[in-house]
Amino acid sequence: YVGPLDFTPAGQPVSLVDLKRPDLDRYPR
């Protein structure tokens, strides 16, 4: 569930899933 390609926190596209608290209802895959 990767975020925008051209608007990123530090240059690279990032996963929107919080690994510490993954919301599997919102991001089931």
mmCIF file of all heavy atoms, coordinates in Angstrom:
data_MODEL
# 
_entry.id   MODEL 
# 
loop_
_atom_site.group_PDB 
_atom_site.id 
_atom_site.type_symbol 
_atom_site.label_atom_id 
_atom_site.label_alt_id 
_atom_site.label_comp_id 
_atom_site.label_asym_id 
_atom_site.label_entity_id 
_atom_site.label_seq_id 
_atom_site.pdbx_PDB_ins_code 
_atom_site.Cartn_x 
_atom_site.Cartn_y 
_atom_site.Cartn_z 
_atom_site.occupancy 
_atom_site.B_iso_or_equiv 
_atom_site.pdbx_formal_charge 
_atom_site.auth_seq_id 
_atom_site.auth_comp_id 
_atom_site.auth_asym_id 
_atom_site.auth_atom_id 
_atom_site.pdbx_PDB_model_num 
ATOM 1   N N   . TYR A 1 1  ? 0.833   -1.204 0.000  1.00 0.00 ? 1  TYR A N   1 
ATOM 2   C CA  . TYR A 1 1  ? 0.000   0.000  0.000  1.00 0.00 ? 1  TYR A CA  1 
ATOM 3   C C   . TYR A 1 1  ? 0.872   1.260  0.000  1.00 0.00 ? 1  TYR A C   1 
ATOM 4   O O   . TYR A 1 1  ? 0.899   2.042  0.946  1.00 0.00 ? 1  TYR A O   1 
ATOM 5   C CB  . TYR A 1 1  ? -0.953  0.000  1.198  1.00 0.00 ? 1  TYR A CB  1 
ATOM 6   C CG  . TYR A 1 1  ? -1.941  -1.139 1.176  1.00 0.00 ? 1  TYR A CG  1 
ATOM 7   C CD1 . TYR A 1 1  ? -1.645  -2.348 1.801  1.00 0.00 ? 1  TYR A CD1 1 
ATOM 8   C CD2 . TYR A 1 1  ? -3.153  -1.027 0.511  1.00 0.00 ? 1  TYR A CD2 1 
ATOM 9   C CE1 . TYR A 1 1  ? -2.542  -3.409 1.768  1.00 0.00 ? 1  TYR A CE1 1 
ATOM 10  C CE2 . TYR A 1 1  ? -4.066  -2.068 0.475  1.00 0.00 ? 1  TYR A CE2 1 
ATOM 11  C CZ  . TYR A 1 1  ? -3.757  -3.265 1.100  1.00 0.00 ? 1  TYR A CZ  1 
ATOM 12  O OH  . TYR A 1 1  ? -4.635  -4.315 1.062  1.00 0.00 ? 1  TYR A OH  1 
ATOM 13  N N   . VAL A 1 2  ? 1.581   1.444  -1.096 1.00 0.00 ? 2  VAL A N   1 
ATOM 14  C CA  . VAL A 1 2  ? 2.550   2.518  -1.212 1.00 0.00 ? 2  VAL A CA  1 
ATOM 15  C C   . VAL A 1 2  ? 1.857   3.843  -1.490 1.00 0.00 ? 2  VAL A C   1 
ATOM 16  O O   . VAL A 1 2  ? 0.870   3.906  -2.234 1.00 0.00 ? 2  VAL A O   1 
ATOM 17  C CB  . VAL A 1 2  ? 3.571   2.180  -2.320 1.00 0.00 ? 2  VAL A CB  1 
ATOM 18  C CG1 . VAL A 1 2  ? 4.547   3.330  -2.549 1.00 0.00 ? 2  VAL A CG1 1 
ATOM 19  C CG2 . VAL A 1 2  ? 4.324   0.910  -1.936 1.00 0.00 ? 2  VAL A CG2 1 
ATOM 20  N N   . GLY A 1 3  ? 2.385   4.909  -0.912 1.00 0.00 ? 3  GLY A N   1 
ATOM 21  C CA  . GLY A 1 3  ? 1.808   6.237  -1.053 1.00 0.00 ? 3  GLY A CA  1 
ATOM 22  C C   . GLY A 1 3  ? 2.211   6.915  -2.348 1.00 0.00 ? 3  GLY A C   1 
ATOM 23  O O   . GLY A 1 3  ? 2.699   6.276  -3.288 1.00 0.00 ? 3  GLY A O   1 
ATOM 24  N N   . PRO A 1 4  ? 2.025   8.246  -2.429 1.00 0.00 ? 4  PRO A N   1 
ATOM 25  C CA  . PRO A 1 4  ? 2.323   8.983  -3.660 1.00 0.00 ? 4  PRO A CA  1 
ATOM 26  C C   . PRO A 1 4  ? 3.766   8.777  -4.123 1.00 0.00 ? 4  PRO A C   1 
ATOM 27  O O   . PRO A 1 4  ? 4.683   8.636  -3.312 1.00 0.00 ? 4  PRO A O   1 
ATOM 28  C CB  . PRO A 1 4  ? 2.079   10.447 -3.262 1.00 0.00 ? 4  PRO A CB  1 
ATOM 29  C CG  . PRO A 1 4  ? 1.146   10.375 -2.097 1.00 0.00 ? 4  PRO A CG  1 
ATOM 30  C CD  . PRO A 1 4  ? 1.493   9.123  -1.364 1.00 0.00 ? 4  PRO A CD  1 
ATOM 31  N N   . LEU A 1 5  ? 3.952   8.756  -5.441 1.00 0.00 ? 5  LEU A N   1 
ATOM 32  C CA  . LEU A 1 5  ? 5.289   8.577  -6.004 1.00 0.00 ? 5  LEU A CA  1 
ATOM 33  C C   . LEU A 1 5  ? 6.082   9.876  -6.040 1.00 0.00 ? 5  LEU A C   1 
ATOM 34  O O   . LEU A 1 5  ? 7.320   9.852  -6.003 1.00 0.00 ? 5  LEU A O   1 
ATOM 35  C CB  . LEU A 1 5  ? 5.189   8.010  -7.428 1.00 0.00 ? 5  LEU A CB  1 
ATOM 36  C CG  . LEU A 1 5  ? 4.489   6.667  -7.600 1.00 0.00 ? 5  LEU A CG  1 
ATOM 37  C CD1 . LEU A 1 5  ? 4.503   6.257  -9.077 1.00 0.00 ? 5  LEU A CD1 1 
ATOM 38  C CD2 . LEU A 1 5  ? 5.128   5.590  -6.733 1.00 0.00 ? 5  LEU A CD2 1 
ATOM 39  N N   . ASP A 1 6  ? 5.380   11.006 -6.144 1.00 0.00 ? 6  ASP A N   1 
ATOM 40  C CA  . ASP A 1 6  ? 6.062   12.280 -6.365 1.00 0.00 ? 6  ASP A CA  1 
ATOM 41  C C   . ASP A 1 6  ? 5.870   13.267 -5.214 1.00 0.00 ? 6  ASP A C   1 
ATOM 42  O O   . ASP A 1 6  ? 6.178   14.448 -5.354 1.00 0.00 ? 6  ASP A O   1 
ATOM 43  C CB  . ASP A 1 6  ? 5.565   12.913 -7.671 1.00 0.00 ? 6  ASP A CB  1 
ATOM 44  C CG  . ASP A 1 6  ? 4.058   13.049 -7.718 1.00 0.00 ? 6  ASP A CG  1 
ATOM 45  O OD1 . ASP A 1 6  ? 3.376   12.451 -6.854 1.00 0.00 ? 6  ASP A OD1 1 
ATOM 46  O OD2 . ASP A 1 6  ? 3.541   13.739 -8.614 1.00 0.00 ? 6  ASP A OD2 1 
ATOM 47  N N   . PHE A 1 7  ? 5.383   12.802 -4.074 1.00 0.00 ? 7  PHE A N   1 
ATOM 48  C CA  . PHE A 1 7  ? 5.229   13.632 -2.886 1.00 0.00 ? 7  PHE A CA  1 
ATOM 49  C C   . PHE A 1 7  ? 5.510   12.727 -1.698 1.00 0.00 ? 7  PHE A C   1 
ATOM 50  O O   . PHE A 1 7  ? 4.640   11.995 -1.226 1.00 0.00 ? 7  PHE A O   1 
ATOM 51  C CB  . PHE A 1 7  ? 3.817   14.225 -2.822 1.00 0.00 ? 7  PHE A CB  1 
ATOM 52  C CG  . PHE A 1 7  ? 3.592   15.128 -1.623 1.00 0.00 ? 7  PHE A CG  1 
ATOM 53  C CD1 . PHE A 1 7  ? 4.326   16.289 -1.458 1.00 0.00 ? 7  PHE A CD1 1 
ATOM 54  C CD2 . PHE A 1 7  ? 2.634   14.805 -0.680 1.00 0.00 ? 7  PHE A CD2 1 
ATOM 55  C CE1 . PHE A 1 7  ? 4.119   17.117 -0.360 1.00 0.00 ? 7  PHE A CE1 1 
ATOM 56  C CE2 . PHE A 1 7  ? 2.404   15.628 0.424  1.00 0.00 ? 7  PHE A CE2 1 
ATOM 57  C CZ  . PHE A 1 7  ? 3.157   16.780 0.575  1.00 0.00 ? 7  PHE A CZ  1 
ATOM 58  N N   . THR A 1 8  ? 6.749   12.741 -1.236 1.00 0.00 ? 8  THR A N   1 
ATOM 59  C CA  . THR A 1 8  ? 7.210   11.739 -0.282 1.00 0.00 ? 8  THR A CA  1 
ATOM 60  C C   . THR A 1 8  ? 7.908   12.401 0.901  1.00 0.00 ? 8  THR A C   1 
ATOM 61  O O   . THR A 1 8  ? 8.440   13.508 0.780  1.00 0.00 ? 8  THR A O   1 
ATOM 62  C CB  . THR A 1 8  ? 8.191   10.767 -0.952 1.00 0.00 ? 8  THR A CB  1 
ATOM 63  O OG1 . THR A 1 8  ? 9.388   11.475 -1.299 1.00 0.00 ? 8  THR A OG1 1 
ATOM 64  C CG2 . THR A 1 8  ? 7.586   10.150 -2.212 1.00 0.00 ? 8  THR A CG2 1 
ATOM 65  N N   . PRO A 1 9  ? 7.965   11.729 2.052  1.00 0.00 ? 9  PRO A N   1 
ATOM 66  C CA  . PRO A 1 9  ? 8.624   12.323 3.226  1.00 0.00 ? 9  PRO A CA  1 
ATOM 67  C C   . PRO A 1 9  ? 10.109  12.596 3.030  1.00 0.00 ? 9  PRO A C   1 
ATOM 68  O O   . PRO A 1 9  ? 10.644  13.558 3.565  1.00 0.00 ? 9  PRO A O   1 
ATOM 69  C CB  . PRO A 1 9  ? 8.385   11.291 4.332  1.00 0.00 ? 9  PRO A CB  1 
ATOM 70  C CG  . PRO A 1 9  ? 7.164   10.541 3.903  1.00 0.00 ? 9  PRO A CG  1 
ATOM 71  C CD  . PRO A 1 9  ? 7.235   10.487 2.403  1.00 0.00 ? 9  PRO A CD  1 
ATOM 72  N N   . ALA A 1 10 ? 10.809  11.736 2.276  1.00 0.00 ? 10 ALA A N   1 
ATOM 73  C CA  . ALA A 1 10 ? 12.265  11.906 2.178  1.00 0.00 ? 10 ALA A CA  1 
ATOM 74  C C   . ALA A 1 10 ? 12.832  11.496 0.827  1.00 0.00 ? 10 ALA A C   1 
ATOM 75  O O   . ALA A 1 10 ? 13.995  11.148 0.730  1.00 0.00 ? 10 ALA A O   1 
ATOM 76  C CB  . ALA A 1 10 ? 12.955  11.118 3.285  1.00 0.00 ? 10 ALA A CB  1 
ATOM 77  N N   . GLY A 1 11 ? 12.004  11.510 -0.213 1.00 0.00 ? 11 GLY A N   1 
ATOM 78  C CA  . GLY A 1 11 ? 12.511  11.238 -1.557 1.00 0.00 ? 11 GLY A CA  1 
ATOM 79  C C   . GLY A 1 11 ? 11.993  9.978  -2.193 1.00 0.00 ? 11 GLY A C   1 
ATOM 80  O O   . GLY A 1 11 ? 11.715  9.950  -3.384 1.00 0.00 ? 11 GLY A O   1 
ATOM 81  N N   . GLN A 1 12 ? 11.868  8.899  -1.399 1.00 0.00 ? 12 GLN A N   1 
ATOM 82  C CA  . GLN A 1 12 ? 11.407  7.635  -1.949 1.00 0.00 ? 12 GLN A CA  1 
ATOM 83  C C   . GLN A 1 12 ? 9.947   7.381  -1.567 1.00 0.00 ? 12 GLN A C   1 
ATOM 84  O O   . GLN A 1 12 ? 9.525   7.737  -0.463 1.00 0.00 ? 12 GLN A O   1 
ATOM 85  C CB  . GLN A 1 12 ? 12.264  6.477  -1.420 1.00 0.00 ? 12 GLN A CB  1 
ATOM 86  C CG  . GLN A 1 12 ? 13.706  6.477  -1.925 1.00 0.00 ? 12 GLN A CG  1 
ATOM 87  C CD  . GLN A 1 12 ? 13.782  6.248  -3.415 1.00 0.00 ? 12 GLN A CD  1 
ATOM 88  O OE1 . GLN A 1 12 ? 13.766  7.201  -4.197 1.00 0.00 ? 12 GLN A OE1 1 
ATOM 89  N NE2 . GLN A 1 12 ? 13.848  5.005  -3.828 1.00 0.00 ? 12 GLN A NE2 1 
ATOM 90  N N   . PRO A 1 13 ? 9.157   6.751  -2.446 1.00 0.00 ? 13 PRO A N   1 
ATOM 91  C CA  . PRO A 1 13 ? 7.794   6.370  -2.056 1.00 0.00 ? 13 PRO A CA  1 
ATOM 92  C C   . PRO A 1 13 ? 7.833   5.411  -0.860 1.00 0.00 ? 13 PRO A C   1 
ATOM 93  O O   . PRO A 1 13 ? 8.757   4.595  -0.742 1.00 0.00 ? 13 PRO A O   1 
ATOM 94  C CB  . PRO A 1 13 ? 7.249   5.661  -3.306 1.00 0.00 ? 13 PRO A CB  1 
ATOM 95  C CG  . PRO A 1 13 ? 8.136   6.101  -4.422 1.00 0.00 ? 13 PRO A CG  1 
ATOM 96  C CD  . PRO A 1 13 ? 9.479   6.350  -3.827 1.00 0.00 ? 13 PRO A CD  1 
ATOM 97  N N   . VAL A 1 14 ? 6.846   5.525  0.021  1.00 0.00 ? 14 VAL A N   1 
ATOM 98  C CA  . VAL A 1 14 ? 6.847   4.726  1.248  1.00 0.00 ? 14 VAL A CA  1 
ATOM 99  C C   . VAL A 1 14 ? 5.533   3.985  1.406  1.00 0.00 ? 14 VAL A C   1 
ATOM 100 O O   . VAL A 1 14 ? 4.471   4.420  0.930  1.00 0.00 ? 14 VAL A O   1 
ATOM 101 C CB  . VAL A 1 14 ? 7.090   5.607  2.496  1.00 0.00 ? 14 VAL A CB  1 
ATOM 102 C CG1 . VAL A 1 14 ? 8.429   6.329  2.397  1.00 0.00 ? 14 VAL A CG1 1 
ATOM 103 C CG2 . VAL A 1 14 ? 5.953   6.596  2.717  1.00 0.00 ? 14 VAL A CG2 1 
ATOM 104 N N   . SER A 1 15 ? 5.602   2.865  2.119  1.00 0.00 ? 15 SER A N   1 
ATOM 105 C CA  . SER A 1 15 ? 4.397   2.146  2.510  1.00 0.00 ? 15 SER A CA  1 
ATOM 106 C C   . SER A 1 15 ? 3.611   2.996  3.504  1.00 0.00 ? 15 SER A C   1 
ATOM 107 O O   . SER A 1 15 ? 4.182   3.618  4.404  1.00 0.00 ? 15 SER A O   1 
ATOM 108 C CB  . SER A 1 15 ? 4.768   0.803  3.141  1.00 0.00 ? 15 SER A CB  1 
ATOM 109 O OG  . SER A 1 15 ? 3.632   0.202  3.742  1.00 0.00 ? 15 SER A OG  1 
ATOM 110 N N   . LEU A 1 16 ? 2.291   3.005  3.346  1.00 0.00 ? 16 LEU A N   1 
ATOM 111 C CA  . LEU A 1 16 ? 1.438   3.765  4.262  1.00 0.00 ? 16 LEU A CA  1 
ATOM 112 C C   . LEU A 1 16 ? 1.067   2.979  5.510  1.00 0.00 ? 16 LEU A C   1 
ATOM 113 O O   . LEU A 1 16 ? 0.431   3.516  6.414  1.00 0.00 ? 16 LEU A O   1 
ATOM 114 C CB  . LEU A 1 16 ? 0.161   4.192  3.533  1.00 0.00 ? 16 LEU A CB  1 
ATOM 115 C CG  . LEU A 1 16 ? 0.355   5.063  2.284  1.00 0.00 ? 16 LEU A CG  1 
ATOM 116 C CD1 . LEU A 1 16 ? -0.997  5.513  1.752  1.00 0.00 ? 16 LEU A CD1 1 
ATOM 117 C CD2 . LEU A 1 16 ? 1.249   6.263  2.575  1.00 0.00 ? 16 LEU A CD2 1 
ATOM 118 N N   . VAL A 1 17 ? 1.479   1.726  5.588  1.00 0.00 ? 17 VAL A N   1 
ATOM 119 C CA  . VAL A 1 17 ? 1.127   0.879  6.727  1.00 0.00 ? 17 VAL A CA  1 
ATOM 120 C C   . VAL A 1 17 ? 2.081   1.158  7.885  1.00 0.00 ? 17 VAL A C   1 
ATOM 121 O O   . VAL A 1 17 ? 3.308   1.156  7.705  1.00 0.00 ? 17 VAL A O   1 
ATOM 122 C CB  . VAL A 1 17 ? 1.191   -0.608 6.352  1.00 0.00 ? 17 VAL A CB  1 
ATOM 123 C CG1 . VAL A 1 17 ? 0.723   -1.471 7.522  1.00 0.00 ? 17 VAL A CG1 1 
ATOM 124 C CG2 . VAL A 1 17 ? 0.331   -0.890 5.124  1.00 0.00 ? 17 VAL A CG2 1 
ATOM 125 N N   . ASP A 1 18 ? 1.515   1.402  9.065  1.00 0.00 ? 18 ASP A N   1 
ATOM 126 C CA  . ASP A 1 18 ? 2.307   1.572  10.279 1.00 0.00 ? 18 ASP A CA  1 
ATOM 127 C C   . ASP A 1 18 ? 2.703   0.187  10.766 1.00 0.00 ? 18 ASP A C   1 
ATOM 128 O O   . ASP A 1 18 ? 1.866   -0.575 11.256 1.00 0.00 ? 18 ASP A O   1 
ATOM 129 C CB  . ASP A 1 18 ? 1.491   2.301  11.337 1.00 0.00 ? 18 ASP A CB  1 
ATOM 130 C CG  . ASP A 1 18 ? 2.288   2.607  12.597 1.00 0.00 ? 18 ASP A CG  1 
ATOM 131 O OD1 . ASP A 1 18 ? 3.406   2.066  12.759 1.00 0.00 ? 18 ASP A OD1 1 
ATOM 132 O OD2 . ASP A 1 18 ? 1.780   3.375  13.443 1.00 0.00 ? 18 ASP A OD2 1 
ATOM 133 N N   . LEU A 1 19 ? 3.973   -0.170 10.618 1.00 0.00 ? 19 LEU A N   1 
ATOM 134 C CA  . LEU A 1 19 ? 4.408   -1.526 10.944 1.00 0.00 ? 19 LEU A CA  1 
ATOM 135 C C   . LEU A 1 19 ? 4.218   -1.851 12.421 1.00 0.00 ? 19 LEU A C   1 
ATOM 136 O O   . LEU A 1 19 ? 4.028   -3.018 12.790 1.00 0.00 ? 19 LEU A O   1 
ATOM 137 C CB  . LEU A 1 19 ? 5.875   -1.706 10.549 1.00 0.00 ? 19 LEU A CB  1 
ATOM 138 C CG  . LEU A 1 19 ? 6.383   -3.141 10.450 1.00 0.00 ? 19 LEU A CG  1 
ATOM 139 C CD1 . LEU A 1 19 ? 5.628   -3.906 9.370  1.00 0.00 ? 19 LEU A CD1 1 
ATOM 140 C CD2 . LEU A 1 19 ? 7.872   -3.166 10.154 1.00 0.00 ? 19 LEU A CD2 1 
ATOM 141 N N   . LYS A 1 20 ? 4.256   -0.825 13.265 1.00 0.00 ? 20 LYS A N   1 
ATOM 142 C CA  . LYS A 1 20 ? 4.075   -1.059 14.701 1.00 0.00 ? 20 LYS A CA  1 
ATOM 143 C C   . LYS A 1 20 ? 2.622   -1.372 15.032 1.00 0.00 ? 20 LYS A C   1 
ATOM 144 O O   . LYS A 1 20 ? 2.338   -2.151 15.952 1.00 0.00 ? 20 LYS A O   1 
ATOM 145 C CB  . LYS A 1 20 ? 4.539   0.171  15.488 1.00 0.00 ? 20 LYS A CB  1 
ATOM 146 C CG  . LYS A 1 20 ? 4.649   -0.047 16.981 1.00 0.00 ? 20 LYS A CG  1 
ATOM 147 C CD  . LYS A 1 20 ? 5.284   1.160  17.659 1.00 0.00 ? 20 LYS A CD  1 
ATOM 148 C CE  . LYS A 1 20 ? 5.467   0.935  19.149 1.00 0.00 ? 20 LYS A CE  1 
ATOM 149 N NZ  . LYS A 1 20 ? 6.141   2.098  19.797 1.00 0.00 ? 20 LYS A NZ  1 
ATOM 150 N N   . ARG A 1 21 ? 1.694   -0.771 14.276 1.00 0.00 ? 21 ARG A N   1 
ATOM 151 C CA  . ARG A 1 21 ? 0.259   -0.983 14.503 1.00 0.00 ? 21 ARG A CA  1 
ATOM 152 C C   . ARG A 1 21 ? -0.446  -1.167 13.155 1.00 0.00 ? 21 ARG A C   1 
ATOM 153 O O   . ARG A 1 21 ? -1.209  -0.291 12.720 1.00 0.00 ? 21 ARG A O   1 
ATOM 154 C CB  . ARG A 1 21 ? -0.355  0.200  15.244 1.00 0.00 ? 21 ARG A CB  1 
ATOM 155 C CG  . ARG A 1 21 ? 0.313   0.521  16.579 1.00 0.00 ? 21 ARG A CG  1 
ATOM 156 C CD  . ARG A 1 21 ? -0.374  1.705  17.246 1.00 0.00 ? 21 ARG A CD  1 
ATOM 157 N NE  . ARG A 1 21 ? 0.344   2.144  18.426 1.00 0.00 ? 21 ARG A NE  1 
ATOM 158 C CZ  . ARG A 1 21 ? 1.316   3.036  18.436 1.00 0.00 ? 21 ARG A CZ  1 
ATOM 159 N NH1 . ARG A 1 21 ? 1.691   3.600  17.282 1.00 0.00 ? 21 ARG A NH1 1 
ATOM 160 N NH2 . ARG A 1 21 ? 1.923   3.386  19.552 1.00 0.00 ? 21 ARG A NH2 1 
ATOM 161 N N   . PRO A 1 22 ? -0.183  -2.249 12.450 1.00 0.00 ? 22 PRO A N   1 
ATOM 162 C CA  . PRO A 1 22 ? -0.780  -2.414 11.116 1.00 0.00 ? 22 PRO A CA  1 
ATOM 163 C C   . PRO A 1 22 ? -2.305  -2.537 11.182 1.00 0.00 ? 22 PRO A C   1 
ATOM 164 O O   . PRO A 1 22 ? -2.842  -3.339 11.950 1.00 0.00 ? 22 PRO A O   1 
ATOM 165 C CB  . PRO A 1 22 ? -0.138  -3.704 10.601 1.00 0.00 ? 22 PRO A CB  1 
ATOM 166 C CG  . PRO A 1 22 ? 0.327   -4.426 11.827 1.00 0.00 ? 22 PRO A CG  1 
ATOM 167 C CD  . PRO A 1 22 ? 0.673   -3.382 12.833 1.00 0.00 ? 22 PRO A CD  1 
ATOM 168 N N   . ASP A 1 23 ? -2.986  -1.712 10.410 1.00 0.00 ? 23 ASP A N   1 
ATOM 169 C CA  . ASP A 1 23 ? -4.443  -1.732 10.341 1.00 0.00 ? 23 ASP A CA  1 
ATOM 170 C C   . ASP A 1 23 ? -4.841  -2.676 9.204  1.00 0.00 ? 23 ASP A C   1 
ATOM 171 O O   . ASP A 1 23 ? -4.946  -2.266 8.045  1.00 0.00 ? 23 ASP A O   1 
ATOM 172 C CB  . ASP A 1 23 ? -4.958  -0.313 10.087 1.00 0.00 ? 23 ASP A CB  1 
ATOM 173 C CG  . ASP A 1 23 ? -6.473  -0.218 10.104 1.00 0.00 ? 23 ASP A CG  1 
ATOM 174 O OD1 . ASP A 1 23 ? -7.140  -1.274 10.029 1.00 0.00 ? 23 ASP A OD1 1 
ATOM 175 O OD2 . ASP A 1 23 ? -6.996  0.909  10.160 1.00 0.00 ? 23 ASP A OD2 1 
ATOM 176 N N   . LEU A 1 24 ? -5.076  -3.933 9.537  1.00 0.00 ? 24 LEU A N   1 
ATOM 177 C CA  . LEU A 1 24 ? -5.351  -4.930 8.505  1.00 0.00 ? 24 LEU A CA  1 
ATOM 178 C C   . LEU A 1 24 ? -6.772  -4.831 7.969  1.00 0.00 ? 24 LEU A C   1 
ATOM 179 O O   . LEU A 1 24 ? -7.081  -5.439 6.940  1.00 0.00 ? 24 LEU A O   1 
ATOM 180 C CB  . LEU A 1 24 ? -5.075  -6.335 9.044  1.00 0.00 ? 24 LEU A CB  1 
ATOM 181 C CG  . LEU A 1 24 ? -3.611  -6.600 9.418  1.00 0.00 ? 24 LEU A CG  1 
ATOM 182 C CD1 . LEU A 1 24 ? -3.443  -8.038 9.907  1.00 0.00 ? 24 LEU A CD1 1 
ATOM 183 C CD2 . LEU A 1 24 ? -2.681  -6.326 8.241  1.00 0.00 ? 24 LEU A CD2 1 
ATOM 184 N N   . ASP A 1 25 ? -7.643  -4.082 8.628  1.00 0.00 ? 25 ASP A N   1 
ATOM 185 C CA  . ASP A 1 25 ? -8.959  -3.818 8.043  1.00 0.00 ? 25 ASP A CA  1 
ATOM 186 C C   . ASP A 1 25 ? -8.822  -2.847 6.875  1.00 0.00 ? 25 ASP A C   1 
ATOM 187 O O   . ASP A 1 25 ? -9.459  -3.004 5.830  1.00 0.00 ? 25 ASP A O   1 
ATOM 188 C CB  . ASP A 1 25 ? -9.908  -3.233 9.098  1.00 0.00 ? 25 ASP A CB  1 
ATOM 189 C CG  . ASP A 1 25 ? -10.299 -4.249 10.148 1.00 0.00 ? 25 ASP A CG  1 
ATOM 190 O OD1 . ASP A 1 25 ? -10.344 -5.458 9.824  1.00 0.00 ? 25 ASP A OD1 1 
ATOM 191 O OD2 . ASP A 1 25 ? -10.530 -3.846 11.301 1.00 0.00 ? 25 ASP A OD2 1 
ATOM 192 N N   . ARG A 1 26 ? -7.964  -1.851 7.043  1.00 0.00 ? 26 ARG A N   1 
ATOM 193 C CA  . ARG A 1 26 ? -7.739  -0.857 5.985  1.00 0.00 ? 26 ARG A CA  1 
ATOM 194 C C   . ARG A 1 26 ? -6.762  -1.369 4.935  1.00 0.00 ? 26 ARG A C   1 
ATOM 195 O O   . ARG A 1 26 ? -6.890  -1.030 3.748  1.00 0.00 ? 26 ARG A O   1 
ATOM 196 C CB  . ARG A 1 26 ? -7.208  0.424  6.612  1.00 0.00 ? 26 ARG A CB  1 
ATOM 197 C CG  . ARG A 1 26 ? -7.068  1.586  5.633  1.00 0.00 ? 26 ARG A CG  1 
ATOM 198 C CD  . ARG A 1 26 ? -6.663  2.844  6.370  1.00 0.00 ? 26 ARG A CD  1 
ATOM 199 N NE  . ARG A 1 26 ? -6.606  3.991  5.478  1.00 0.00 ? 26 ARG A NE  1 
ATOM 200 C CZ  . ARG A 1 26 ? -6.257  5.223  5.858  1.00 0.00 ? 26 ARG A CZ  1 
ATOM 201 N NH1 . ARG A 1 26 ? -5.963  5.453  7.131  1.00 0.00 ? 26 ARG A NH1 1 
ATOM 202 N NH2 . ARG A 1 26 ? -6.226  6.209  4.986  1.00 0.00 ? 26 ARG A NH2 1 
ATOM 203 N N   . TYR A 1 27 ? -5.788  -2.172 5.366  1.00 0.00 ? 27 TYR A N   1 
ATOM 204 C CA  . TYR A 1 27 ? -4.746  -2.663 4.466  1.00 0.00 ? 27 TYR A CA  1 
ATOM 205 C C   . TYR A 1 27 ? -4.675  -4.198 4.549  1.00 0.00 ? 27 TYR A C   1 
ATOM 206 O O   . TYR A 1 27 ? -3.679  -4.755 5.033  1.00 0.00 ? 27 TYR A O   1 
ATOM 207 C CB  . TYR A 1 27 ? -3.388  -2.057 4.841  1.00 0.00 ? 27 TYR A CB  1 
ATOM 208 C CG  . TYR A 1 27 ? -3.372  -0.551 4.927  1.00 0.00 ? 27 TYR A CG  1 
ATOM 209 C CD1 . TYR A 1 27 ? -3.140  0.093  6.147  1.00 0.00 ? 27 TYR A CD1 1 
ATOM 210 C CD2 . TYR A 1 27 ? -3.565  0.238  3.799  1.00 0.00 ? 27 TYR A CD2 1 
ATOM 211 C CE1 . TYR A 1 27 ? -3.097  1.478  6.228  1.00 0.00 ? 27 TYR A CE1 1 
ATOM 212 C CE2 . TYR A 1 27 ? -3.528  1.627  3.870  1.00 0.00 ? 27 TYR A CE2 1 
ATOM 213 C CZ  . TYR A 1 27 ? -3.300  2.236  5.089  1.00 0.00 ? 27 TYR A CZ  1 
ATOM 214 O OH  . TYR A 1 27 ? -3.261  3.611  5.168  1.00 0.00 ? 27 TYR A OH  1 
ATOM 215 N N   . PRO A 1 28 ? -5.701  -4.897 4.112  1.00 0.00 ? 28 PRO A N   1 
ATOM 216 C CA  . PRO A 1 28 ? -5.777  -6.350 4.345  1.00 0.00 ? 28 PRO A CA  1 
ATOM 217 C C   . PRO A 1 28 ? -4.657  -7.141 3.682  1.00 0.00 ? 28 PRO A C   1 
ATOM 218 O O   . PRO A 1 28 ? -4.225  -8.171 4.227  1.00 0.00 ? 28 PRO A O   1 
ATOM 219 C CB  . PRO A 1 28 ? -7.147  -6.733 3.784  1.00 0.00 ? 28 PRO A CB  1 
ATOM 220 C CG  . PRO A 1 28 ? -7.498  -5.629 2.825  1.00 0.00 ? 28 PRO A CG  1 
ATOM 221 C CD  . PRO A 1 28 ? -6.893  -4.393 3.397  1.00 0.00 ? 28 PRO A CD  1 
ATOM 222 N N   . ARG A 1 29 ? -4.171  -6.718 2.516  1.00 0.00 ? 29 ARG A N   1 
ATOM 223 C CA  . ARG A 1 29 ? -3.133  -7.493 1.839  1.00 0.00 ? 29 ARG A CA  1 
ATOM 224 C C   . ARG A 1 29 ? -1.785  -7.408 2.546  1.00 0.00 ? 29 ARG A C   1 
ATOM 225 O O   . ARG A 1 29 ? -0.868  -8.171 2.224  1.00 0.00 ? 29 ARG A O   1 
ATOM 226 C CB  . ARG A 1 29 ? -2.980  -7.049 0.377  1.00 0.00 ? 29 ARG A CB  1 
ATOM 227 C CG  . ARG A 1 29 ? -4.190  -7.319 -0.495 1.00 0.00 ? 29 ARG A CG  1 
ATOM 228 C CD  . ARG A 1 29 ? -3.859  -7.146 -1.981 1.00 0.00 ? 29 ARG A CD  1 
ATOM 229 N NE  . ARG A 1 29 ? -3.216  -5.876 -2.270 1.00 0.00 ? 29 ARG A NE  1 
ATOM 230 C CZ  . ARG A 1 29 ? -3.870  -4.722 -2.481 1.00 0.00 ? 29 ARG A CZ  1 
ATOM 231 N NH1 . ARG A 1 29 ? -5.202  -4.695 -2.431 1.00 0.00 ? 29 ARG A NH1 1 
ATOM 232 N NH2 . ARG A 1 29 ? -3.207  -3.605 -2.744 1.00 0.00 ? 29 ARG A NH2 1 
# 
